[in-house]
Amino acid sequence: MFHVLTSTYLQPPDVINQTRPAHLEWLKGEVEAGRILLAGRREDESGAVLITGDISAQEAQDIVDRDPYTSAGAARYERVAFNSAFRAPGL
């Protein structure tokens, strides 16, 4: 299963910005490991969207749990799982 992980910021921008360097370092590692395929802030900057690789629900929850934003209480996540019935070549 692939997962869409949608975060919503729970803290003001100054708190988010204090935690952001640790979050970006964590995110870089997740992308390098292939667990996250796409990531970016929402257009309104109220949170972000992450698209995982083909992983289990538990692995997706582990990603959320290890995010510095989660441990700092700066964001919460919602997860939607979907099958990969149709894929672009190379995915």
N, C-alpha and C. Protein backbone atom coordinates (compact mmCIF):
# COMPACT_ATOMS: atom_id res chain seq x y z
N MET A 1 0.82 -1.19 0.00
CA MET A 1 0.00 0.00 0.00
C MET A 1 0.87 1.26 0.00
N PHE A 2 0.38 2.24 -0.68
CA PHE A 2 0.97 3.57 -0.62
C PHE A 2 0.12 4.38 0.36
N HIS A 3 0.69 5.45 0.91
CA HIS A 3 -0.01 6.24 1.91
C HIS A 3 0.18 7.72 1.63
N VAL A 4 -0.90 8.46 1.81
CA VAL A 4 -0.83 9.92 1.80
C VAL A 4 -0.88 10.35 3.26
N LEU A 5 0.18 10.99 3.71
CA LEU A 5 0.28 11.47 5.09
C LEU A 5 0.12 12.98 5.04
N THR A 6 -0.97 13.47 5.60
CA THR A 6 -1.26 14.90 5.58
C THR A 6 -1.06 15.46 6.98
N SER A 7 -0.13 16.39 7.10
CA SER A 7 0.10 16.99 8.42
C SER A 7 -0.62 18.33 8.51
N THR A 8 -0.99 18.66 9.73
CA THR A 8 -1.57 19.95 10.07
C THR A 8 -0.75 20.53 11.20
N TYR A 9 -0.26 21.74 11.01
CA TYR A 9 0.54 22.37 12.06
C TYR A 9 -0.35 22.73 13.24
N LEU A 10 0.15 22.47 14.44
CA LEU A 10 -0.58 22.72 15.67
C LEU A 10 -0.02 23.89 16.47
N GLN A 11 1.10 24.42 16.02
CA GLN A 11 1.80 25.48 16.74
C GLN A 11 1.95 26.70 15.83
N PRO A 12 2.25 27.86 16.42
CA PRO A 12 2.48 29.05 15.60
C PRO A 12 3.74 28.91 14.75
N PRO A 13 3.86 29.73 13.71
CA PRO A 13 5.00 29.62 12.79
C PRO A 13 6.37 29.66 13.47
N ASP A 14 6.54 30.44 14.53
CA ASP A 14 7.86 30.50 15.17
C ASP A 14 8.25 29.15 15.77
N VAL A 15 7.31 28.40 16.33
CA VAL A 15 7.59 27.07 16.87
C VAL A 15 7.88 26.10 15.74
N ILE A 16 7.09 26.18 14.67
CA ILE A 16 7.32 25.32 13.50
C ILE A 16 8.72 25.58 12.96
N ASN A 17 9.11 26.83 12.82
CA ASN A 17 10.42 27.16 12.26
C ASN A 17 11.57 26.72 13.16
N GLN A 18 11.38 26.66 14.47
CA GLN A 18 12.41 26.16 15.37
C GLN A 18 12.66 24.67 15.16
N THR A 19 11.60 23.93 14.86
CA THR A 19 11.69 22.48 14.68
C THR A 19 12.01 22.10 13.24
N ARG A 20 11.83 23.02 12.32
CA ARG A 20 11.98 22.73 10.88
C ARG A 20 13.33 22.13 10.49
N PRO A 21 14.48 22.62 10.99
CA PRO A 21 15.75 22.00 10.57
C PRO A 21 15.82 20.50 10.91
N ALA A 22 15.37 20.12 12.09
CA ALA A 22 15.36 18.69 12.45
C ALA A 22 14.39 17.92 11.58
N HIS A 23 13.23 18.52 11.29
CA HIS A 23 12.24 17.88 10.42
C HIS A 23 12.82 17.66 9.03
N LEU A 24 13.48 18.66 8.47
CA LEU A 24 14.05 18.53 7.12
C LEU A 24 15.15 17.48 7.07
N GLU A 25 15.95 17.38 8.11
CA GLU A 25 17.00 16.35 8.17
C GLU A 25 16.36 14.97 8.22
N TRP A 26 15.34 14.82 9.04
CA TRP A 26 14.60 13.56 9.12
C TRP A 26 13.98 13.23 7.77
N LEU A 27 13.37 14.21 7.13
CA LEU A 27 12.71 14.01 5.84
C LEU A 27 13.72 13.56 4.78
N LYS A 28 14.88 14.17 4.77
CA LYS A 28 15.92 13.79 3.82
C LYS A 28 16.27 12.30 3.97
N GLY A 29 16.40 11.84 5.20
CA GLY A 29 16.70 10.43 5.45
C GLY A 29 15.60 9.50 4.98
N GLU A 30 14.35 9.91 5.17
CA GLU A 30 13.21 9.10 4.72
C GLU A 30 13.15 9.01 3.20
N VAL A 31 13.45 10.10 2.53
CA VAL A 31 13.48 10.10 1.06
C VAL A 31 14.63 9.23 0.56
N GLU A 32 15.80 9.39 1.16
CA GLU A 32 16.96 8.57 0.75
C GLU A 32 16.71 7.09 0.95
N ALA A 33 15.96 6.74 2.00
CA ALA A 33 15.64 5.33 2.28
C ALA A 33 14.51 4.81 1.39
N GLY A 34 13.86 5.69 0.63
CA GLY A 34 12.78 5.29 -0.27
C GLY A 34 11.43 5.13 0.41
N ARG A 35 11.34 5.51 1.68
CA ARG A 35 10.05 5.40 2.37
C ARG A 35 9.12 6.53 2.00
N ILE A 36 9.67 7.70 1.69
CA ILE A 36 8.86 8.83 1.22
C ILE A 36 9.29 9.16 -0.20
N LEU A 37 8.29 9.24 -1.10
CA LEU A 37 8.55 9.52 -2.51
C LEU A 37 8.42 11.00 -2.84
N LEU A 38 7.43 11.65 -2.24
CA LEU A 38 7.16 13.07 -2.49
C LEU A 38 6.82 13.73 -1.17
N ALA A 39 7.22 14.99 -1.03
CA ALA A 39 6.88 15.73 0.18
C ALA A 39 6.90 17.21 -0.12
N GLY A 40 6.02 17.95 0.53
CA GLY A 40 6.02 19.39 0.39
C GLY A 40 4.95 20.03 1.24
N ARG A 41 5.14 21.32 1.49
CA ARG A 41 4.16 22.09 2.27
C ARG A 41 2.91 22.32 1.45
N ARG A 42 1.81 22.40 2.15
CA ARG A 42 0.55 22.77 1.49
C ARG A 42 0.66 24.21 1.00
N GLU A 43 -0.10 24.50 -0.01
CA GLU A 43 -0.07 25.84 -0.60
C GLU A 43 -0.37 26.93 0.43
N ASP A 44 -1.28 26.64 1.37
CA ASP A 44 -1.63 27.64 2.39
C ASP A 44 -0.69 27.60 3.61
N GLU A 45 0.33 26.74 3.56
CA GLU A 45 1.34 26.60 4.61
C GLU A 45 0.76 26.21 5.97
N SER A 46 -0.37 25.51 5.96
CA SER A 46 -0.99 25.04 7.20
C SER A 46 -0.50 23.67 7.61
N GLY A 47 0.36 23.09 6.80
CA GLY A 47 0.88 21.75 7.04
C GLY A 47 1.59 21.26 5.79
N ALA A 48 1.63 19.95 5.63
CA ALA A 48 2.34 19.37 4.50
C ALA A 48 1.67 18.08 4.04
N VAL A 49 2.13 17.58 2.91
CA VAL A 49 1.66 16.31 2.38
C VAL A 49 2.88 15.46 2.05
N LEU A 50 2.86 14.20 2.51
CA LEU A 50 3.92 13.24 2.21
C LEU A 50 3.28 12.06 1.50
N ILE A 51 3.92 11.54 0.47
CA ILE A 51 3.48 10.34 -0.23
C ILE A 51 4.54 9.28 0.01
N THR A 52 4.12 8.16 0.59
CA THR A 52 5.08 7.11 0.90
C THR A 52 5.28 6.18 -0.29
N GLY A 53 6.30 5.36 -0.19
CA GLY A 53 6.48 4.24 -1.10
C GLY A 53 5.51 3.14 -0.70
N ASP A 54 5.69 1.98 -1.28
CA ASP A 54 4.83 0.82 -1.03
C ASP A 54 5.26 0.19 0.30
N ILE A 55 4.58 0.58 1.38
CA ILE A 55 4.93 0.13 2.72
C ILE A 55 3.67 -0.24 3.49
N SER A 56 3.86 -0.89 4.62
CA SER A 56 2.72 -1.28 5.45
C SER A 56 2.17 -0.10 6.23
N ALA A 57 0.99 -0.28 6.79
CA ALA A 57 0.38 0.75 7.64
C ALA A 57 1.26 1.01 8.86
N GLN A 58 1.85 -0.05 9.43
CA GLN A 58 2.72 0.11 10.60
C GLN A 58 3.96 0.92 10.23
N GLU A 59 4.54 0.66 9.06
CA GLU A 59 5.71 1.44 8.63
C GLU A 59 5.34 2.91 8.42
N ALA A 60 4.15 3.16 7.88
CA ALA A 60 3.69 4.54 7.70
C ALA A 60 3.52 5.22 9.06
N GLN A 61 2.96 4.50 10.03
CA GLN A 61 2.81 5.06 11.37
C GLN A 61 4.16 5.32 12.01
N ASP A 62 5.12 4.46 11.76
CA ASP A 62 6.48 4.65 12.27
C ASP A 62 7.10 5.93 11.71
N ILE A 63 6.85 6.20 10.44
CA ILE A 63 7.33 7.44 9.83
C ILE A 63 6.76 8.64 10.57
N VAL A 64 5.46 8.63 10.79
CA VAL A 64 4.79 9.72 11.50
C VAL A 64 5.37 9.88 12.91
N ASP A 65 5.54 8.77 13.60
CA ASP A 65 6.00 8.80 14.99
C ASP A 65 7.43 9.34 15.11
N ARG A 66 8.25 9.13 14.08
CA ARG A 66 9.65 9.58 14.14
C ARG A 66 9.86 11.01 13.65
N ASP A 67 8.82 11.63 13.11
CA ASP A 67 8.94 13.01 12.63
C ASP A 67 9.16 13.94 13.82
N PRO A 68 10.21 14.77 13.80
CA PRO A 68 10.42 15.72 14.89
C PRO A 68 9.23 16.64 15.14
N TYR A 69 8.44 16.94 14.12
CA TYR A 69 7.24 17.74 14.34
C TYR A 69 6.26 17.01 15.27
N THR A 70 6.15 15.70 15.10
CA THR A 70 5.26 14.91 15.94
C THR A 70 5.74 14.93 17.39
N SER A 71 7.02 14.63 17.60
CA SER A 71 7.53 14.55 18.97
C SER A 71 7.52 15.91 19.66
N ALA A 72 7.59 17.00 18.89
CA ALA A 72 7.55 18.35 19.46
C ALA A 72 6.11 18.84 19.66
N GLY A 73 5.12 18.04 19.23
CA GLY A 73 3.73 18.48 19.33
C GLY A 73 3.41 19.62 18.37
N ALA A 74 4.21 19.73 17.31
CA ALA A 74 4.05 20.82 16.36
C ALA A 74 3.09 20.49 15.22
N ALA A 75 2.83 19.19 15.00
CA ALA A 75 1.95 18.79 13.90
C ALA A 75 1.28 17.46 14.24
N ARG A 76 0.15 17.24 13.61
CA ARG A 76 -0.51 15.93 13.68
C ARG A 76 -0.71 15.45 12.24
N TYR A 77 -0.84 14.16 12.08
CA TYR A 77 -0.98 13.56 10.76
C TYR A 77 -2.29 12.81 10.62
N GLU A 78 -2.81 12.81 9.41
CA GLU A 78 -3.88 11.93 8.99
C GLU A 78 -3.32 11.07 7.87
N ARG A 79 -3.75 9.81 7.82
CA ARG A 79 -3.21 8.88 6.82
C ARG A 79 -4.35 8.31 5.99
N VAL A 80 -4.13 8.28 4.68
CA VAL A 80 -5.03 7.61 3.74
C VAL A 80 -4.19 6.61 2.97
N ALA A 81 -4.59 5.35 3.00
CA ALA A 81 -3.89 4.29 2.27
C ALA A 81 -4.61 4.03 0.94
N PHE A 82 -3.82 3.68 -0.07
CA PHE A 82 -4.42 3.33 -1.36
C PHE A 82 -3.55 2.31 -2.07
N ASN A 83 -4.20 1.47 -2.91
CA ASN A 83 -3.42 0.50 -3.68
C ASN A 83 -2.84 1.18 -4.89
N SER A 84 -1.93 0.51 -5.50
CA SER A 84 -1.25 1.11 -6.66
C SER A 84 -1.69 0.41 -7.95
N ALA A 85 -2.98 0.42 -8.20
CA ALA A 85 -3.53 -0.26 -9.37
C ALA A 85 -2.97 0.30 -10.67
N PHE A 86 -2.70 1.60 -10.70
CA PHE A 86 -2.13 2.23 -11.89
C PHE A 86 -0.91 3.00 -11.46
N ARG A 87 0.19 2.81 -12.18
CA ARG A 87 1.45 3.48 -11.85
C ARG A 87 2.09 4.05 -13.12
N ALA A 88 2.78 5.15 -12.93
CA ALA A 88 3.61 5.68 -14.00
C ALA A 88 4.81 4.74 -14.19
N PRO A 89 5.34 4.65 -15.39
CA PRO A 89 6.52 3.80 -15.59
C PRO A 89 7.63 4.20 -14.64
N GLY A 90 8.30 3.20 -14.08
CA GLY A 90 9.42 3.45 -13.18
C GLY A 90 9.04 3.50 -11.72
N LEU A 91 7.76 3.48 -11.42
CA LEU A 91 7.34 3.49 -10.01
C LEU A 91 6.97 2.10 -9.54
